[in-house]
Amino acid sequence: MREDTRAADEKYMRMALTLAARGRGRTSPNPMVGAVLVRDGRVVGRGYHERAGLPHAEVMAIRNAGPAAQGSTLYVNLEPCCHTGRTGPCTEAIIQAGVGRVVAAMRDPNPLVAGRGLTRLRAAGIEVTEGVLAGEAARLNEVFVKYITQRLPFVVMKVAVSLDGKIATHTGASQWITGPAARERVHRLRDCYDAVMVGIGTILRDNPSLTTRLPEGGRDPIRIVLDSTARTPPEARVLAQASPAPTIIATTEQAPVARINTLKKGGAEVLVCGSGPRVDVRLLMKELARREITSILVEGGAGVNAALLEAGLVDKVVWFVAPLIIGGRDAPGPVGGRGAAVLAEALRVENGHWEQVGPDLCFEGYIVRRE
């Protein structure tokens, strides 16, 4: 590829990625996709997938371009689909519009596509280039990639700690360790992910709402509570509040039937996951994925965090560190459980970066999977 062509391809692909990101938190279970049509060095059409069930990015860009789509180059961050799902195949719309070249950042990991879309375009005589900014494209759709290939939700563990690694004082006081800017960041995370998960300890101690509260509003995530014996009070805020998002209580066979029925009457959906004494989190994750819940923000305590880490279910951490020193040997840390016996057993986090958020620091990184 010529140097000037490569530079142009990357330039317009970045536009497509930026457009795709506008759909963050709204396209599940679909990926975020943006599309840009370029003809004679000029952008003639733009589009992005706004929400599941609405037209795909390619179709939106073609509509935006009108007759100018004829002979243009289409830049799209994910391979165009070639099957009929909630909408029709994008490959046919591209062919009918007379697009001359398609540049795709990455192949669609969906087994229903997986290269077939690009093959269909090539068979129709359209020039195809793939792999432009593939790494950026994969990171943008990290939720979709895991969900569609493993049939499990992408799990993000959010933690807020003091400088000495405490999530609360020895009396259990934890509001607020971080400042307003960090708390707003958490609400923006809730707005992006399908569900938020906590344990029964958090419900009994803090009685959180687990809603999204932003200046411009936002979308409430599905609320999931790990509660092995159905101790969630019927008057808990996760149940007794006006919210379009449902609340799911994950419990076990050890939960009394009377308590389960009370929770159901209170509006909760109850999932029995395992015989106990703890919720089988892997079984729960499989069921949530079956329901097209593709991503979960975990805001639990030490027990919930340990259970998910030990089960190998956490993909990413968002770790806030506040300029506080709490102290106390009995003040809890963010991860319970047995823990590593030697440092070689410790979980590693890679591809991380730090950011200042108000007076606090925020670290984001990815859990390294053990073979």
Protein backbone atom coordinates (compact mmCIF):
# COMPACT_ATOMS: atom_id res chain seq x y z
CA MET A 1 0.00 0.00 0.00
CA ARG A 2 1.33 3.42 -0.93
CA GLU A 3 2.26 5.73 1.94
CA ASP A 4 -0.31 8.39 0.98
CA THR A 5 -3.05 5.74 0.66
CA ARG A 6 -2.20 4.30 4.08
CA ALA A 7 -2.29 7.74 5.69
CA ALA A 8 -5.65 8.51 4.09
CA ASP A 9 -7.08 5.15 5.13
CA GLU A 10 -6.03 5.71 8.73
CA LYS A 11 -7.41 9.25 8.72
CA TYR A 12 -10.87 8.20 7.57
CA MET A 13 -10.87 5.07 9.71
CA ARG A 14 -10.33 7.26 12.78
CA MET A 15 -13.40 9.20 11.72
CA ALA A 16 -15.34 5.94 11.54
CA LEU A 17 -14.12 4.90 15.01
CA THR A 18 -15.13 8.27 16.46
CA LEU A 19 -18.58 7.93 14.93
CA ALA A 20 -18.91 4.37 16.22
CA ALA A 21 -18.19 5.48 19.79
CA ARG A 22 -21.31 7.67 19.73
CA GLY A 23 -23.33 4.49 20.15
CA ARG A 24 -21.55 3.49 23.37
CA GLY A 25 -23.97 1.95 25.82
CA ARG A 26 -26.86 1.91 23.36
CA THR A 27 -26.13 -0.80 20.75
CA SER A 28 -26.01 -3.94 22.94
CA PRO A 29 -26.06 -6.77 22.04
CA ASN A 30 -24.73 -5.38 18.77
CA PRO A 31 -21.26 -3.85 18.31
CA MET A 32 -20.52 -0.16 17.94
CA VAL A 33 -20.02 0.62 14.26
CA GLY A 34 -19.29 3.84 12.39
CA ALA A 35 -19.06 4.34 8.64
CA VAL A 36 -17.62 7.09 6.44
CA LEU A 37 -18.01 7.37 2.65
CA VAL A 38 -15.26 9.23 0.78
CA ARG A 39 -15.27 10.21 -2.89
CA ASP A 40 -12.57 12.21 -4.65
CA GLY A 41 -10.92 13.06 -1.34
CA ARG A 42 -14.13 14.42 0.21
CA VAL A 43 -16.40 12.91 2.85
CA VAL A 44 -19.81 12.47 1.24
CA GLY A 45 -21.58 10.34 3.84
CA ARG A 46 -21.45 9.50 7.55
CA GLY A 47 -23.40 7.19 9.79
CA TYR A 48 -23.25 5.12 12.95
CA HIS A 49 -25.30 2.40 14.59
CA GLU A 50 -27.40 4.26 17.14
CA ARG A 51 -29.28 1.41 18.82
CA ALA A 52 -30.02 -2.28 18.37
CA GLY A 53 -32.89 -2.65 15.91
CA LEU A 54 -32.12 0.58 14.07
CA PRO A 55 -30.29 0.67 10.70
CA HIS A 56 -26.60 -0.22 10.71
CA ALA A 57 -23.85 2.34 10.20
CA GLU A 58 -23.24 1.45 6.55
CA VAL A 59 -26.88 1.96 5.63
CA MET A 60 -26.99 5.27 7.48
CA ALA A 61 -23.87 6.50 5.65
CA ILE A 62 -25.25 5.44 2.27
CA ARG A 63 -28.52 7.25 2.96
CA ASN A 64 -26.55 10.31 4.04
CA ALA A 65 -24.47 10.25 0.85
CA GLY A 66 -27.31 9.67 -1.59
CA PRO A 67 -26.12 9.39 -5.24
CA ALA A 68 -22.59 10.39 -4.17
CA ALA A 69 -22.13 6.89 -2.75
CA GLN A 70 -21.62 5.63 -6.32
CA GLY A 71 -17.91 4.91 -6.80
CA SER A 72 -16.96 5.99 -3.27
CA THR A 73 -14.77 4.31 -0.66
CA LEU A 74 -16.49 3.06 2.47
CA TYR A 75 -14.55 3.12 5.75
CA VAL A 76 -16.07 0.98 8.49
CA ASN A 77 -14.56 -0.23 11.76
CA LEU A 78 -16.16 -3.69 11.55
CA GLU A 79 -16.73 -6.02 8.61
CA PRO A 80 -20.18 -5.42 7.07
CA CYS A 81 -22.71 -8.10 7.97
CA CYS A 82 -23.96 -10.53 5.33
CA HIS A 83 -26.87 -12.09 7.22
CA THR A 84 -30.34 -11.00 8.23
CA GLY A 85 -30.77 -10.31 11.93
CA ARG A 86 -32.79 -7.43 13.36
CA THR A 87 -32.00 -5.67 10.06
CA GLY A 88 -31.02 -6.76 6.56
CA PRO A 89 -27.49 -7.55 5.33
CA CYS A 90 -25.29 -4.48 4.89
CA THR A 91 -23.28 -6.13 2.12
CA GLU A 92 -26.27 -5.98 -0.22
CA ALA A 93 -26.90 -2.32 0.55
CA ILE A 94 -23.23 -1.56 -0.20
CA ILE A 95 -23.34 -3.42 -3.51
CA GLN A 96 -26.61 -1.79 -4.58
CA ALA A 97 -25.23 1.68 -3.75
CA GLY A 98 -22.33 1.13 -6.18
CA VAL A 99 -19.55 1.58 -3.60
CA GLY A 100 -16.22 0.92 -5.30
CA ARG A 101 -13.95 0.11 -2.36
CA VAL A 102 -14.46 -0.99 1.24
CA VAL A 103 -11.88 -0.52 4.00
CA ALA A 104 -12.67 -2.53 7.14
CA ALA A 105 -10.67 -2.27 10.36
CA MET A 106 -11.36 -5.84 11.49
CA ARG A 107 -13.35 -8.92 10.64
CA ASP A 108 -16.58 -9.51 12.50
CA PRO A 109 -15.95 -12.23 15.15
CA ASN A 110 -19.59 -13.26 14.92
CA PRO A 111 -19.57 -16.82 13.48
CA LEU A 112 -22.47 -15.79 11.22
CA VAL A 113 -20.13 -13.34 9.49
CA ALA A 114 -16.42 -14.09 10.21
CA GLY A 115 -15.06 -13.06 6.79
CA ARG A 116 -18.13 -13.94 4.75
CA GLY A 117 -19.11 -10.31 4.41
CA LEU A 118 -15.79 -9.35 2.87
CA THR A 119 -15.92 -12.40 0.62
CA ARG A 120 -19.35 -11.35 -0.64
CA LEU A 121 -18.09 -7.84 -1.41
CA ARG A 122 -15.06 -9.14 -3.30
CA ALA A 123 -17.28 -11.50 -5.29
CA ALA A 124 -19.33 -8.46 -6.33
CA GLY A 125 -16.20 -6.82 -7.74
CA ILE A 126 -15.61 -4.40 -4.85
CA GLU A 127 -12.01 -3.78 -3.80
CA VAL A 128 -11.54 -4.69 -0.13
CA THR A 129 -8.82 -3.65 2.32
CA GLU A 130 -8.85 -4.94 5.87
CA GLY A 131 -6.77 -4.50 9.03
CA VAL A 132 -6.54 -0.68 9.12
CA LEU A 133 -6.36 0.36 12.81
CA ALA A 134 -7.43 -3.15 13.77
CA GLY A 135 -6.12 -2.84 17.33
CA GLU A 136 -8.12 0.32 18.03
CA ALA A 137 -11.20 -1.27 16.51
CA ALA A 138 -10.91 -4.40 18.66
CA ARG A 139 -10.48 -2.35 21.83
CA LEU A 140 -13.53 -0.22 21.02
CA ASN A 141 -15.67 -3.34 20.71
CA GLU A 142 -14.02 -5.39 23.47
CA VAL A 143 -17.43 -6.08 25.01
CA PHE A 144 -18.88 -7.44 21.77
CA VAL A 145 -15.79 -9.51 20.96
CA LYS A 146 -15.92 -11.40 24.26
CA TYR A 147 -19.67 -11.80 24.26
CA ILE A 148 -19.94 -13.11 20.71
CA THR A 149 -16.94 -15.46 20.92
CA GLN A 150 -17.28 -16.80 24.50
CA ARG A 151 -20.98 -16.24 25.17
CA LEU A 152 -20.11 -14.55 28.45
CA PRO A 153 -20.50 -10.91 29.50
CA PHE A 154 -17.49 -8.60 29.55
CA VAL A 155 -16.87 -7.89 33.24
CA VAL A 156 -15.37 -4.66 34.60
CA MET A 157 -14.46 -4.52 38.30
CA LYS A 158 -14.68 -1.02 39.76
CA VAL A 159 -12.87 -0.36 43.03
CA ALA A 160 -12.34 2.78 45.13
CA VAL A 161 -9.55 2.60 47.72
CA SER A 162 -7.51 4.84 49.97
CA LEU A 163 -3.75 5.17 49.58
CA ASP A 164 -3.31 2.28 52.01
CA GLY A 165 -5.70 0.06 50.06
CA LYS A 166 -8.83 0.26 52.21
CA ILE A 167 -12.39 0.36 50.87
CA ALA A 168 -13.92 1.36 54.21
CA THR A 169 -13.01 2.08 57.83
CA HIS A 170 -13.00 -0.66 60.46
CA THR A 171 -16.59 0.36 61.31
CA GLY A 172 -17.71 -0.09 57.69
CA ALA A 173 -17.96 3.60 56.75
CA SER A 174 -17.20 4.03 53.06
CA GLN A 175 -19.08 7.11 51.79
CA TRP A 176 -17.29 8.80 50.25
CA ILE A 177 -13.71 7.64 49.66
CA THR A 178 -13.43 9.32 46.27
CA GLY A 179 -14.44 12.82 45.24
CA PRO A 180 -17.34 14.11 43.10
CA ALA A 181 -15.42 13.82 39.80
CA ALA A 182 -14.66 10.14 40.37
CA ARG A 183 -18.25 9.46 41.40
CA GLU A 184 -19.49 11.10 38.21
CA ARG A 185 -17.09 8.90 36.26
CA VAL A 186 -18.71 5.85 37.85
CA HIS A 187 -22.14 7.04 36.76
CA ARG A 188 -20.80 7.40 33.22
CA LEU A 189 -19.61 3.81 33.43
CA ARG A 190 -23.07 2.71 34.55
CA ASP A 191 -24.47 4.53 31.54
CA CYS A 192 -22.19 2.49 29.24
CA TYR A 193 -22.60 -1.05 30.57
CA ASP A 194 -25.66 -3.28 30.43
CA ALA A 195 -25.72 -4.17 34.13
CA VAL A 196 -24.26 -3.28 37.52
CA MET A 197 -23.56 -6.00 40.08
CA VAL A 198 -23.16 -5.90 43.86
CA GLY A 199 -23.36 -8.35 46.74
CA ILE A 200 -25.91 -8.56 49.54
CA GLY A 201 -23.38 -6.99 51.92
CA THR A 202 -23.41 -3.77 49.91
CA ILE A 203 -27.21 -3.76 49.86
CA LEU A 204 -27.50 -4.22 53.63
CA ARG A 205 -24.71 -1.77 54.47
CA ASP A 206 -25.21 1.07 51.95
CA ASN A 207 -28.70 0.53 50.47
CA PRO A 208 -27.55 1.89 47.07
CA SER A 209 -29.89 2.88 44.25
CA LEU A 210 -27.52 1.63 41.51
CA THR A 211 -29.06 4.06 39.02
CA THR A 212 -27.34 6.43 36.60
CA ARG A 213 -27.43 10.03 37.77
CA LEU A 214 -25.77 12.42 35.34
CA PRO A 215 -26.45 16.09 34.58
CA GLU A 216 -27.91 15.07 31.22
CA GLY A 217 -29.77 12.06 32.59
CA GLY A 218 -28.48 8.70 31.36
CA ARG A 219 -29.63 5.10 31.11
CA ASP A 220 -30.06 2.94 34.20
CA PRO A 221 -28.26 -0.40 34.02
CA ILE A 222 -29.91 -3.67 34.99
CA ARG A 223 -29.26 -4.20 38.72
CA ILE A 224 -27.91 -7.59 39.78
CA VAL A 225 -27.54 -8.60 43.44
CA LEU A 226 -25.63 -11.69 44.57
CA ASP A 227 -27.71 -12.87 47.52
CA SER A 228 -27.34 -16.57 48.29
CA THR A 229 -30.13 -16.73 50.90
CA ALA A 230 -32.46 -13.99 49.59
CA ARG A 231 -31.84 -11.50 52.39
CA THR A 232 -32.49 -8.42 50.24
CA PRO A 233 -35.09 -6.33 52.11
CA PRO A 234 -38.28 -5.67 50.09
CA GLU A 235 -37.88 -1.96 50.88
CA ALA A 236 -34.29 -1.83 49.51
CA ARG A 237 -33.75 0.96 47.00
CA VAL A 238 -32.82 -1.49 44.25
CA LEU A 239 -36.45 -2.65 44.43
CA ALA A 240 -38.45 0.27 45.80
CA GLN A 241 -37.62 2.97 43.24
CA ALA A 242 -38.93 4.17 39.93
CA SER A 243 -36.56 2.90 37.24
CA PRO A 244 -37.12 1.37 33.81
CA ALA A 245 -34.31 -1.12 34.44
CA PRO A 246 -35.15 -4.41 36.19
CA THR A 247 -33.51 -5.86 39.29
CA ILE A 248 -32.25 -9.45 39.27
CA ILE A 249 -31.56 -11.25 42.56
CA ALA A 250 -29.17 -14.19 42.07
CA THR A 251 -29.62 -16.69 44.86
CA THR A 252 -29.21 -20.42 45.60
CA GLU A 253 -31.31 -23.41 46.53
CA GLN A 254 -30.62 -22.56 50.18
CA ALA A 255 -32.79 -19.44 49.94
CA PRO A 256 -36.15 -19.87 51.74
CA VAL A 257 -39.05 -20.04 49.30
CA ALA A 258 -41.00 -17.46 51.32
CA ARG A 259 -38.20 -14.89 50.93
CA ILE A 260 -37.95 -15.59 47.20
CA ASN A 261 -41.69 -15.08 46.79
CA THR A 262 -41.53 -11.81 48.74
CA LEU A 263 -38.79 -10.53 46.42
CA LYS A 264 -40.79 -11.52 43.36
CA LYS A 265 -43.82 -9.67 44.70
CA GLY A 266 -41.56 -6.65 45.19
CA GLY A 267 -40.76 -6.68 41.47
CA ALA A 268 -37.45 -8.54 41.42
CA GLU A 269 -36.61 -11.38 39.11
CA VAL A 270 -35.01 -14.20 41.07
CA LEU A 271 -32.47 -16.56 39.50
CA VAL A 272 -31.45 -19.68 41.42
CA CYS A 273 -27.81 -20.31 40.55
CA GLY A 274 -26.39 -23.36 42.32
CA SER A 275 -27.09 -25.29 45.49
CA GLY A 276 -25.04 -23.00 47.73
CA PRO A 277 -23.62 -21.84 50.00
CA ARG A 278 -22.60 -19.18 47.45
CA VAL A 279 -24.04 -18.16 44.12
CA ASP A 280 -22.42 -20.04 41.24
CA VAL A 281 -21.12 -16.97 39.44
CA ARG A 282 -20.08 -18.82 36.29
CA LEU A 283 -23.55 -20.35 35.93
CA LEU A 284 -25.01 -16.89 36.52
CA MET A 285 -22.81 -15.30 33.85
CA LYS A 286 -23.87 -17.89 31.29
CA GLU A 287 -27.52 -17.18 32.03
CA LEU A 288 -27.01 -13.43 31.81
CA ALA A 289 -25.31 -13.83 28.42
CA ARG A 290 -28.21 -15.97 27.25
CA ARG A 291 -30.41 -12.97 28.05
CA GLU A 292 -28.16 -10.76 25.87
CA ILE A 293 -26.61 -8.98 28.84
CA THR A 294 -23.21 -8.39 27.27
CA SER A 295 -21.39 -6.30 29.90
CA ILE A 296 -21.37 -5.93 33.69
CA LEU A 297 -19.89 -3.27 35.94
CA VAL A 298 -19.07 -4.86 39.30
CA GLU A 299 -19.29 -2.49 42.26
CA GLY A 300 -19.14 -5.15 44.95
CA GLY A 301 -17.11 -5.60 48.09
CA ALA A 302 -14.23 -7.90 48.89
CA GLY A 303 -16.28 -11.11 48.71
CA VAL A 304 -17.89 -10.45 45.34
CA ASN A 305 -14.61 -9.26 43.84
CA ALA A 306 -12.78 -12.35 45.07
CA ALA A 307 -15.45 -14.73 43.76
CA LEU A 308 -15.35 -13.24 40.26
CA LEU A 309 -11.56 -13.03 40.12
CA GLU A 310 -11.14 -16.60 41.35
CA ALA A 311 -13.62 -17.77 38.71
CA GLY A 312 -11.60 -16.02 35.99
CA LEU A 313 -14.55 -13.86 34.99
CA VAL A 314 -13.09 -10.35 35.35
CA ASP A 315 -11.71 -8.80 32.17
CA LYS A 316 -10.89 -5.25 33.18
CA VAL A 317 -10.33 -3.22 36.34
CA VAL A 318 -11.15 0.44 36.94
CA TRP A 319 -9.32 1.28 40.16
CA PHE A 320 -9.76 4.66 41.86
CA VAL A 321 -7.17 5.68 44.45
CA ALA A 322 -8.04 8.54 46.79
CA PRO A 323 -5.49 10.67 48.69
CA LEU A 324 -6.60 9.29 52.06
CA ILE A 325 -4.96 7.08 54.66
CA ILE A 326 -7.59 5.13 56.59
CA GLY A 327 -5.45 2.68 58.56
CA GLY A 328 -6.61 -0.11 60.85
CA ARG A 329 -5.83 -3.80 60.60
CA ASP A 330 -9.56 -4.54 60.56
CA ALA A 331 -10.41 -2.05 57.81
CA PRO A 332 -11.34 -4.10 54.71
CA GLY A 333 -9.44 -4.25 51.46
CA PRO A 334 -11.00 -4.59 48.00
CA VAL A 335 -10.42 -8.33 47.41
CA GLY A 336 -11.11 -11.08 49.91
CA GLY A 337 -10.89 -14.83 49.47
CA ARG A 338 -7.84 -16.98 49.93
CA GLY A 339 -5.56 -14.87 47.77
CA ALA A 340 -2.18 -15.76 46.31
CA ALA A 341 0.21 -17.83 48.41
CA VAL A 342 3.24 -16.67 46.44
CA LEU A 343 3.69 -13.71 44.11
CA ALA A 344 3.84 -16.01 41.10
CA GLU A 345 0.15 -16.75 41.75
CA ALA A 346 -0.86 -13.08 41.79
CA LEU A 347 -3.05 -11.88 38.96
CA ARG A 348 -1.25 -9.58 36.54
CA VAL A 349 -2.79 -6.52 34.93
CA GLU A 350 -1.54 -5.29 31.56
CA ASN A 351 -2.14 -2.47 29.07
CA GLY A 352 -2.89 -0.15 31.96
CA HIS A 353 -2.88 3.61 32.24
CA TRP A 354 -3.33 6.19 35.01
CA GLU A 355 -5.49 9.30 34.84
CA GLN A 356 -6.13 12.15 37.25
CA VAL A 357 -9.85 12.46 38.09
CA GLY A 358 -10.34 15.41 40.38
CA PRO A 359 -8.16 14.82 43.46
CA ASP A 360 -8.13 11.07 42.81
CA LEU A 361 -6.20 8.79 40.48
CA CYS A 362 -7.86 6.23 38.22
CA PHE A 363 -6.09 3.15 36.88
CA GLU A 364 -7.57 1.09 34.06
CA GLY A 365 -6.06 -2.19 32.92
CA TYR A 366 -6.80 -5.72 31.76
CA ILE A 367 -6.49 -8.95 33.71
CA VAL A 368 -3.95 -11.34 32.23
CA ARG A 369 -5.51 -14.76 31.77
CA ARG A 370 -3.65 -17.71 33.25
CA GLU A 371 -3.16 -20.60 30.88
